[in-house]
Amino acid sequence: MKRFNQVRKFAVSHSNKIVGGALVLASGSAFAEGAGGNTAAIQGAISSGKNMIEMTTGGLITLAAAVFGVMMVVNLLSKR
């Protein structure tokens, strides 16, 4: 009980310092610099990924059309 009273007395006499320290620790991310740079980098990566998907999809469709065309020609020539 004696220890509890000592802790309580310390907390009451230093409560504004404890609350202030807790606020600074809790809001540490608010003091971070360069958050805008991270957002720009993320947006750039997203747009780059979208462009890569468009290029890949277009390439696969083109390849499929070319293979289909070649197979049609081969089938037509083999029937003769």
N, C-alpha and C. Protein backbone atom coordinates (compact mmCIF):
# COMPACT_ATOMS: atom_id res chain seq x y z
N MET A 1 0.82 -1.18 0.00
CA MET A 1 0.00 0.00 0.00
C MET A 1 0.87 1.25 0.00
N LYS A 2 2.00 1.15 0.69
CA LYS A 2 2.91 2.29 0.76
C LYS A 2 3.42 2.63 -0.65
N ARG A 3 3.76 1.60 -1.41
CA ARG A 3 4.26 1.81 -2.78
C ARG A 3 3.19 2.44 -3.66
N PHE A 4 1.96 1.98 -3.51
CA PHE A 4 0.85 2.53 -4.28
C PHE A 4 0.67 4.01 -3.98
N ASN A 5 0.75 4.39 -2.72
CA ASN A 5 0.61 5.79 -2.34
C ASN A 5 1.75 6.64 -2.90
N GLN A 6 2.96 6.09 -2.94
CA GLN A 6 4.09 6.82 -3.52
C GLN A 6 3.86 7.06 -5.01
N VAL A 7 3.41 6.04 -5.71
CA VAL A 7 3.15 6.18 -7.15
C VAL A 7 2.04 7.18 -7.40
N ARG A 8 0.98 7.10 -6.60
CA ARG A 8 -0.14 8.03 -6.76
C ARG A 8 0.29 9.46 -6.49
N LYS A 9 1.10 9.67 -5.46
CA LYS A 9 1.58 11.01 -5.13
C LYS A 9 2.45 11.56 -6.26
N PHE A 10 3.31 10.71 -6.82
CA PHE A 10 4.16 11.14 -7.93
C PHE A 10 3.31 11.49 -9.15
N ALA A 11 2.31 10.68 -9.43
CA ALA A 11 1.48 10.92 -10.61
C ALA A 11 0.67 12.20 -10.47
N VAL A 12 0.17 12.47 -9.28
CA VAL A 12 -0.62 13.68 -9.08
C VAL A 12 0.27 14.91 -9.18
N SER A 13 1.46 14.87 -8.59
CA SER A 13 2.32 16.05 -8.61
C SER A 13 2.96 16.29 -9.97
N HIS A 14 3.07 15.27 -10.81
CA HIS A 14 3.70 15.40 -12.12
C HIS A 14 2.72 15.11 -13.26
N SER A 15 1.44 15.27 -13.00
CA SER A 15 0.44 14.85 -13.99
C SER A 15 0.54 15.66 -15.28
N ASN A 16 0.80 16.96 -15.20
CA ASN A 16 0.88 17.75 -16.43
C ASN A 16 2.08 17.34 -17.28
N LYS A 17 3.17 16.94 -16.64
CA LYS A 17 4.34 16.47 -17.40
C LYS A 17 4.05 15.12 -18.04
N ILE A 18 3.36 14.26 -17.31
CA ILE A 18 3.04 12.93 -17.84
C ILE A 18 2.08 13.06 -19.03
N VAL A 19 1.06 13.89 -18.89
CA VAL A 19 0.10 14.09 -19.99
C VAL A 19 0.79 14.71 -21.19
N GLY A 20 1.65 15.71 -20.94
CA GLY A 20 2.38 16.34 -22.04
C GLY A 20 3.29 15.36 -22.75
N GLY A 21 3.98 14.54 -21.98
CA GLY A 21 4.86 13.53 -22.59
C GLY A 21 4.07 12.51 -23.40
N ALA A 22 2.92 12.12 -22.89
CA ALA A 22 2.08 11.16 -23.61
C ALA A 22 1.57 11.78 -24.91
N LEU A 23 1.21 13.05 -24.88
CA LEU A 23 0.73 13.71 -26.09
C LEU A 23 1.83 13.81 -27.15
N VAL A 24 3.02 14.14 -26.72
CA VAL A 24 4.13 14.24 -27.67
C VAL A 24 4.44 12.88 -28.28
N LEU A 25 4.43 11.84 -27.46
CA LEU A 25 4.69 10.49 -27.98
C LEU A 25 3.58 10.03 -28.91
N ALA A 26 2.34 10.34 -28.56
CA ALA A 26 1.21 9.89 -29.37
C ALA A 26 1.14 10.64 -30.69
N SER A 27 1.58 11.90 -30.70
CA SER A 27 1.48 12.68 -31.93
C SER A 27 2.82 12.78 -32.65
N GLY A 28 3.70 11.85 -32.42
CA GLY A 28 5.01 11.88 -33.07
C GLY A 28 4.92 11.80 -34.58
N SER A 29 3.92 11.08 -35.07
CA SER A 29 3.78 10.98 -36.52
C SER A 29 3.33 12.29 -37.14
N ALA A 30 2.72 13.16 -36.34
CA ALA A 30 2.29 14.45 -36.86
C ALA A 30 3.49 15.36 -37.14
N PHE A 31 4.60 15.10 -36.47
CA PHE A 31 5.80 15.91 -36.68
C PHE A 31 6.67 15.38 -37.81
N ALA A 32 6.27 14.29 -38.43
CA ALA A 32 7.08 13.68 -39.48
C ALA A 32 7.12 14.60 -40.70
N GLU A 33 8.29 14.71 -41.29
CA GLU A 33 8.45 15.54 -42.48
C GLU A 33 8.45 14.66 -43.71
N GLY A 34 8.05 15.24 -44.81
CA GLY A 34 8.12 14.53 -46.07
C GLY A 34 6.95 13.59 -46.33
N ALA A 35 5.85 13.78 -45.64
CA ALA A 35 4.70 12.91 -45.86
C ALA A 35 4.14 13.12 -47.27
N GLY A 36 4.24 14.35 -47.78
CA GLY A 36 3.76 14.63 -49.13
C GLY A 36 4.58 13.91 -50.19
N GLY A 37 5.88 13.75 -49.95
CA GLY A 37 6.73 13.03 -50.89
C GLY A 37 6.35 11.57 -50.99
N ASN A 38 5.96 10.99 -49.86
CA ASN A 38 5.54 9.59 -49.88
C ASN A 38 4.26 9.42 -50.66
N THR A 39 3.34 10.35 -50.51
CA THR A 39 2.07 10.27 -51.23
C THR A 39 2.32 10.37 -52.73
N ALA A 40 3.19 11.27 -53.13
CA ALA A 40 3.50 11.42 -54.55
C ALA A 40 4.16 10.16 -55.10
N ALA A 41 5.03 9.55 -54.31
CA ALA A 41 5.69 8.32 -54.76
C ALA A 41 4.68 7.18 -54.90
N ILE A 42 3.74 7.10 -53.98
CA ILE A 42 2.73 6.05 -54.05
C ILE A 42 1.83 6.26 -55.26
N GLN A 43 1.42 7.49 -55.50
CA GLN A 43 0.58 7.78 -56.67
C GLN A 43 1.32 7.48 -57.97
N GLY A 44 2.61 7.80 -58.01
CA GLY A 44 3.41 7.49 -59.19
C GLY A 44 3.51 5.99 -59.43
N ALA A 45 3.67 5.23 -58.36
CA ALA A 45 3.75 3.77 -58.50
C ALA A 45 2.43 3.20 -58.98
N ILE A 46 1.32 3.74 -58.50
CA ILE A 46 0.01 3.26 -58.93
C ILE A 46 -0.21 3.53 -60.41
N SER A 47 0.11 4.74 -60.86
CA SER A 47 -0.08 5.05 -62.28
C SER A 47 0.87 4.23 -63.15
N SER A 48 2.08 3.99 -62.68
CA SER A 48 3.02 3.15 -63.42
C SER A 48 2.50 1.73 -63.53
N GLY A 49 1.92 1.22 -62.45
CA GLY A 49 1.35 -0.13 -62.47
C GLY A 49 0.18 -0.22 -63.43
N LYS A 50 -0.65 0.82 -63.48
CA LYS A 50 -1.78 0.82 -64.42
C LYS A 50 -1.27 0.80 -65.86
N ASN A 51 -0.23 1.58 -66.13
CA ASN A 51 0.33 1.59 -67.49
C ASN A 51 0.91 0.23 -67.86
N MET A 52 1.56 -0.42 -66.92
CA MET A 52 2.13 -1.75 -67.20
C MET A 52 1.03 -2.77 -67.48
N ILE A 53 -0.07 -2.69 -66.76
CA ILE A 53 -1.19 -3.61 -67.00
C ILE A 53 -1.78 -3.37 -68.38
N GLU A 54 -1.93 -2.10 -68.77
CA GLU A 54 -2.47 -1.80 -70.10
C GLU A 54 -1.54 -2.33 -71.19
N MET A 55 -0.23 -2.14 -71.01
CA MET A 55 0.71 -2.63 -72.02
C MET A 55 0.70 -4.15 -72.10
N THR A 56 0.64 -4.81 -70.97
CA THR A 56 0.64 -6.27 -70.94
C THR A 56 -0.62 -6.83 -71.58
N THR A 57 -1.76 -6.24 -71.25
CA THR A 57 -3.03 -6.69 -71.83
C THR A 57 -3.03 -6.50 -73.34
N GLY A 58 -2.59 -5.35 -73.79
CA GLY A 58 -2.52 -5.10 -75.23
C GLY A 58 -1.57 -6.06 -75.92
N GLY A 59 -0.45 -6.34 -75.30
CA GLY A 59 0.52 -7.27 -75.88
C GLY A 59 -0.03 -8.68 -75.97
N LEU A 60 -0.73 -9.13 -74.95
CA LEU A 60 -1.30 -10.48 -74.98
C LEU A 60 -2.39 -10.60 -76.03
N ILE A 61 -3.22 -9.58 -76.18
CA ILE A 61 -4.27 -9.62 -77.20
C ILE A 61 -3.65 -9.63 -78.58
N THR A 62 -2.62 -8.83 -78.80
CA THR A 62 -1.93 -8.81 -80.09
C THR A 62 -1.29 -10.16 -80.39
N LEU A 63 -0.64 -10.74 -79.41
CA LEU A 63 -0.01 -12.05 -79.60
C LEU A 63 -1.05 -13.12 -79.90
N ALA A 64 -2.17 -13.10 -79.20
CA ALA A 64 -3.23 -14.09 -79.45
C ALA A 64 -3.79 -13.93 -80.85
N ALA A 65 -3.97 -12.70 -81.31
CA ALA A 65 -4.49 -12.47 -82.66
C ALA A 65 -3.49 -12.95 -83.70
N ALA A 66 -2.21 -12.71 -83.49
CA ALA A 66 -1.19 -13.15 -84.44
C ALA A 66 -1.13 -14.67 -84.50
N VAL A 67 -1.17 -15.34 -83.36
CA VAL A 67 -1.14 -16.81 -83.34
C VAL A 67 -2.38 -17.37 -84.01
N PHE A 68 -3.53 -16.78 -83.75
CA PHE A 68 -4.77 -17.24 -84.38
C PHE A 68 -4.69 -17.09 -85.90
N GLY A 69 -4.16 -15.96 -86.35
CA GLY A 69 -4.03 -15.75 -87.80
C GLY A 69 -3.07 -16.73 -88.43
N VAL A 70 -1.94 -16.98 -87.79
CA VAL A 70 -0.97 -17.93 -88.34
C VAL A 70 -1.58 -19.33 -88.38
N MET A 71 -2.29 -19.72 -87.34
CA MET A 71 -2.91 -21.05 -87.32
C MET A 71 -3.97 -21.19 -88.41
N MET A 72 -4.71 -20.12 -88.68
CA MET A 72 -5.70 -20.18 -89.77
C MET A 72 -5.01 -20.38 -91.11
N VAL A 73 -3.93 -19.66 -91.35
CA VAL A 73 -3.20 -19.81 -92.61
C VAL A 73 -2.63 -21.22 -92.72
N VAL A 74 -2.06 -21.74 -91.65
CA VAL A 74 -1.49 -23.09 -91.68
C VAL A 74 -2.59 -24.11 -91.95
N ASN A 75 -3.75 -23.97 -91.32
CA ASN A 75 -4.85 -24.91 -91.55
C ASN A 75 -5.36 -24.83 -92.98
N LEU A 76 -5.47 -23.63 -93.52
CA LEU A 76 -5.95 -23.50 -94.90
C LEU A 76 -4.96 -24.10 -95.89
N LEU A 77 -3.66 -23.91 -95.65
CA LEU A 77 -2.67 -24.45 -96.56
C LEU A 77 -2.53 -25.97 -96.43
N SER A 78 -2.79 -26.50 -95.26
CA SER A 78 -2.64 -27.94 -95.09
C SER A 78 -3.82 -28.71 -95.69
N LYS A 79 -4.94 -28.09 -95.91
CA LYS A 79 -6.10 -28.75 -96.50
C LYS A 79 -5.91 -28.98 -97.99
N ARG A 80 -5.07 -28.26 -98.64
CA ARG A 80 -4.88 -28.39 -100.09
C ARG A 80 -4.04 -29.53 -100.42
